[in-house]
N, C-alpha and C. Protein backbone atom coordinates (compact mmCIF):
# COMPACT_ATOMS: atom_id res chain seq x y z
N MET A 1 -2.50 12.29 4.72
CA MET A 1 -1.49 11.53 4.03
C MET A 1 -2.17 10.66 2.98
N ASN A 2 -1.61 10.64 1.82
CA ASN A 2 -2.12 9.77 0.76
C ASN A 2 -1.51 8.39 0.90
N ILE A 3 -2.36 7.38 0.75
CA ILE A 3 -1.91 5.99 0.78
C ILE A 3 -2.28 5.37 -0.55
N THR A 4 -1.29 4.77 -1.19
CA THR A 4 -1.51 4.05 -2.44
C THR A 4 -1.03 2.62 -2.25
N ILE A 5 -1.84 1.68 -2.72
CA ILE A 5 -1.47 0.27 -2.63
C ILE A 5 -1.45 -0.30 -4.04
N TYR A 6 -0.30 -0.81 -4.44
CA TYR A 6 -0.19 -1.53 -5.70
C TYR A 6 -0.53 -2.99 -5.41
N THR A 7 -1.50 -3.51 -6.14
CA THR A 7 -2.02 -4.85 -5.87
C THR A 7 -2.07 -5.67 -7.16
N GLN A 8 -2.45 -6.93 -6.99
CA GLN A 8 -2.78 -7.77 -8.13
C GLN A 8 -3.84 -8.77 -7.68
N ASN A 9 -4.50 -9.37 -8.65
CA ASN A 9 -5.52 -10.37 -8.35
C ASN A 9 -4.86 -11.59 -7.71
N GLN A 10 -5.63 -12.32 -6.93
CA GLN A 10 -5.15 -13.56 -6.30
C GLN A 10 -3.93 -13.32 -5.41
N CYS A 11 -3.95 -12.21 -4.68
CA CYS A 11 -2.84 -11.85 -3.79
C CYS A 11 -3.39 -11.76 -2.36
N PRO A 12 -3.27 -12.82 -1.56
CA PRO A 12 -3.80 -12.78 -0.20
C PRO A 12 -3.26 -11.62 0.65
N PRO A 13 -1.96 -11.29 0.59
CA PRO A 13 -1.51 -10.14 1.38
C PRO A 13 -2.16 -8.83 0.93
N CYS A 14 -2.44 -8.71 -0.37
CA CYS A 14 -3.12 -7.50 -0.88
C CYS A 14 -4.51 -7.41 -0.28
N ALA A 15 -5.24 -8.53 -0.30
CA ALA A 15 -6.59 -8.55 0.27
C ALA A 15 -6.54 -8.22 1.76
N PHE A 16 -5.55 -8.74 2.46
CA PHE A 16 -5.42 -8.48 3.89
C PHE A 16 -5.23 -7.00 4.17
N ILE A 17 -4.30 -6.35 3.48
CA ILE A 17 -4.02 -4.94 3.78
C ILE A 17 -5.21 -4.06 3.39
N LYS A 18 -5.90 -4.39 2.31
CA LYS A 18 -7.08 -3.62 1.92
C LYS A 18 -8.17 -3.76 2.98
N ARG A 19 -8.38 -4.96 3.48
CA ARG A 19 -9.38 -5.20 4.52
C ARG A 19 -8.98 -4.48 5.81
N TYR A 20 -7.72 -4.55 6.16
CA TYR A 20 -7.21 -3.89 7.37
C TYR A 20 -7.48 -2.38 7.32
N LEU A 21 -7.14 -1.74 6.22
CA LEU A 21 -7.36 -0.30 6.10
C LEU A 21 -8.85 0.04 6.07
N ALA A 22 -9.64 -0.78 5.39
CA ALA A 22 -11.09 -0.54 5.33
C ALA A 22 -11.72 -0.65 6.71
N GLU A 23 -11.31 -1.64 7.49
CA GLU A 23 -11.84 -1.80 8.85
C GLU A 23 -11.52 -0.61 9.73
N LYS A 24 -10.41 0.06 9.45
CA LYS A 24 -10.02 1.24 10.22
C LYS A 24 -10.52 2.53 9.57
N SER A 25 -11.29 2.39 8.50
CA SER A 25 -11.84 3.54 7.76
C SER A 25 -10.73 4.48 7.27
N ILE A 26 -9.63 3.89 6.84
CA ILE A 26 -8.51 4.67 6.32
C ILE A 26 -8.59 4.64 4.79
N PRO A 27 -8.76 5.81 4.18
CA PRO A 27 -8.88 5.84 2.71
C PRO A 27 -7.54 5.53 2.04
N TYR A 28 -7.64 4.90 0.89
CA TYR A 28 -6.45 4.58 0.11
C TYR A 28 -6.83 4.50 -1.36
N THR A 29 -5.82 4.57 -2.20
CA THR A 29 -6.01 4.39 -3.63
C THR A 29 -5.39 3.05 -4.00
N GLU A 30 -6.16 2.24 -4.71
CA GLU A 30 -5.65 0.94 -5.16
C GLU A 30 -5.26 1.04 -6.63
N LYS A 31 -4.09 0.50 -6.95
CA LYS A 31 -3.63 0.44 -8.33
C LYS A 31 -3.27 -1.01 -8.65
N ASN A 32 -4.14 -1.66 -9.41
CA ASN A 32 -3.93 -3.06 -9.77
C ASN A 32 -2.92 -3.12 -10.92
N ILE A 33 -1.86 -3.90 -10.72
CA ILE A 33 -0.78 -3.91 -11.71
C ILE A 33 -1.12 -4.70 -12.97
N ARG A 34 -2.35 -5.19 -13.08
CA ARG A 34 -2.78 -5.73 -14.38
C ARG A 34 -2.80 -4.60 -15.40
N ASN A 35 -2.96 -3.39 -14.91
CA ASN A 35 -2.88 -2.21 -15.76
C ASN A 35 -1.39 -1.94 -16.02
N PRO A 36 -0.93 -1.98 -17.27
CA PRO A 36 0.49 -1.79 -17.56
C PRO A 36 1.06 -0.48 -17.02
N ARG A 37 0.27 0.55 -16.99
CA ARG A 37 0.74 1.84 -16.46
C ARG A 37 1.09 1.72 -14.98
N TYR A 38 0.22 1.06 -14.22
CA TYR A 38 0.48 0.89 -12.79
C TYR A 38 1.66 -0.06 -12.55
N ARG A 39 1.80 -1.06 -13.40
CA ARG A 39 2.94 -1.98 -13.28
C ARG A 39 4.25 -1.21 -13.46
N ARG A 40 4.29 -0.31 -14.46
CA ARG A 40 5.50 0.51 -14.68
C ARG A 40 5.75 1.43 -13.48
N GLU A 41 4.68 2.03 -12.96
CA GLU A 41 4.83 2.90 -11.78
C GLU A 41 5.45 2.11 -10.63
N MET A 42 4.95 0.90 -10.38
CA MET A 42 5.46 0.08 -9.29
C MET A 42 6.93 -0.23 -9.49
N MET A 43 7.31 -0.52 -10.72
CA MET A 43 8.70 -0.83 -11.00
C MET A 43 9.61 0.38 -10.80
N ASP A 44 9.05 1.59 -10.93
CA ASP A 44 9.84 2.79 -10.64
C ASP A 44 10.27 2.85 -9.18
N TYR A 45 9.56 2.13 -8.32
CA TYR A 45 9.94 2.03 -6.90
C TYR A 45 10.88 0.85 -6.66
N ASP A 46 11.37 0.23 -7.72
CA ASP A 46 12.21 -0.97 -7.63
C ASP A 46 11.51 -2.08 -6.87
N ALA A 47 10.21 -2.19 -7.08
CA ALA A 47 9.40 -3.22 -6.44
C ALA A 47 8.94 -4.21 -7.49
N PHE A 48 8.96 -5.47 -7.12
CA PHE A 48 8.58 -6.51 -8.06
C PHE A 48 7.57 -7.48 -7.48
N SER A 49 7.01 -7.14 -6.32
CA SER A 49 5.97 -7.99 -5.73
C SER A 49 4.93 -7.09 -5.06
N THR A 50 3.77 -7.66 -4.85
CA THR A 50 2.68 -6.93 -4.22
C THR A 50 2.36 -7.57 -2.87
N PRO A 51 1.79 -6.79 -1.97
CA PRO A 51 1.44 -5.39 -2.13
C PRO A 51 2.65 -4.48 -1.95
N LEU A 52 2.61 -3.38 -2.65
CA LEU A 52 3.55 -2.28 -2.44
C LEU A 52 2.71 -1.15 -1.87
N ILE A 53 3.09 -0.66 -0.71
CA ILE A 53 2.30 0.35 -0.02
C ILE A 53 3.10 1.64 0.04
N ILE A 54 2.50 2.71 -0.47
CA ILE A 54 3.13 4.02 -0.44
C ILE A 54 2.33 4.86 0.55
N MET A 55 3.00 5.29 1.61
CA MET A 55 2.35 6.12 2.63
C MET A 55 3.09 7.45 2.67
N GLY A 56 2.52 8.45 2.02
CA GLY A 56 3.23 9.72 1.92
C GLY A 56 4.50 9.51 1.13
N ASP A 57 5.64 9.76 1.78
CA ASP A 57 6.93 9.59 1.10
C ASP A 57 7.62 8.28 1.49
N GLU A 58 6.93 7.44 2.25
CA GLU A 58 7.51 6.17 2.69
C GLU A 58 7.02 5.01 1.82
N VAL A 59 7.95 4.16 1.45
CA VAL A 59 7.65 2.99 0.63
C VAL A 59 7.76 1.75 1.51
N ILE A 60 6.66 0.99 1.58
CA ILE A 60 6.63 -0.24 2.39
C ILE A 60 6.40 -1.40 1.43
N ARG A 61 7.36 -2.31 1.40
CA ARG A 61 7.33 -3.39 0.41
C ARG A 61 6.74 -4.69 0.93
N THR A 62 6.14 -4.65 2.10
CA THR A 62 5.55 -5.86 2.68
C THR A 62 4.41 -5.45 3.60
N VAL A 63 3.61 -6.41 4.02
CA VAL A 63 2.55 -6.11 4.98
C VAL A 63 3.19 -6.09 6.37
N ASP A 64 3.64 -4.93 6.76
CA ASP A 64 4.29 -4.72 8.05
C ASP A 64 3.36 -3.84 8.89
N ILE A 65 2.44 -4.48 9.62
CA ILE A 65 1.41 -3.75 10.35
C ILE A 65 2.03 -2.80 11.37
N ALA A 66 3.07 -3.21 12.05
CA ALA A 66 3.71 -2.34 13.04
C ALA A 66 4.23 -1.06 12.37
N ARG A 67 4.85 -1.20 11.24
CA ARG A 67 5.39 -0.04 10.52
C ARG A 67 4.26 0.85 9.99
N ILE A 68 3.20 0.23 9.49
CA ILE A 68 2.06 0.99 8.99
C ILE A 68 1.40 1.75 10.14
N GLU A 69 1.19 1.08 11.27
CA GLU A 69 0.60 1.74 12.44
C GLU A 69 1.47 2.90 12.92
N ALA A 70 2.78 2.69 12.95
CA ALA A 70 3.69 3.75 13.39
C ALA A 70 3.58 4.96 12.47
N ARG A 71 3.52 4.71 11.20
CA ARG A 71 3.40 5.82 10.22
C ARG A 71 2.08 6.55 10.40
N LEU A 72 0.99 5.82 10.62
CA LEU A 72 -0.31 6.45 10.85
C LEU A 72 -0.29 7.28 12.13
N GLN A 73 0.37 6.78 13.17
CA GLN A 73 0.48 7.53 14.42
C GLN A 73 1.27 8.82 14.23
N GLU A 74 2.35 8.75 13.46
CA GLU A 74 3.16 9.95 13.18
C GLU A 74 2.31 11.03 12.54
N VAL A 75 1.49 10.64 11.60
CA VAL A 75 0.66 11.59 10.87
C VAL A 75 -0.38 12.21 11.80
N GLN A 76 -0.96 11.41 12.69
CA GLN A 76 -1.96 11.93 13.61
C GLN A 76 -1.38 12.94 14.59
N HIS A 77 -0.11 12.83 14.89
CA HIS A 77 0.53 13.73 15.85
C HIS A 77 1.16 14.95 15.20
N ASP A 78 1.18 15.01 13.89
CA ASP A 78 1.76 16.18 13.19
C ASP A 78 0.78 17.32 13.15
C-alpha cells in the first residue's frame, strides 16, 4: 500500500506521524505543501490542514493512530 503524507513546516502533528511511521519502518512519501503543486493536490482532497494522510484509497485528515493501525492491519491480512 502506498502512503502519502501532505505536510508543512512547523507542524507538530506532521512531525509526529512521520516519526511514528519511521519507527515502525513503514515507507511513505512526503509532500510538503510549500510546493504549490502539492498544495493544489491536497486541496483536491478537500483538505485544508496538515497532516493529510493518504493510505491506498483511504483519506485520513487527522493523526488518528487507531485508524492508521487498523488500515495497516487490513493490508497485512490481504
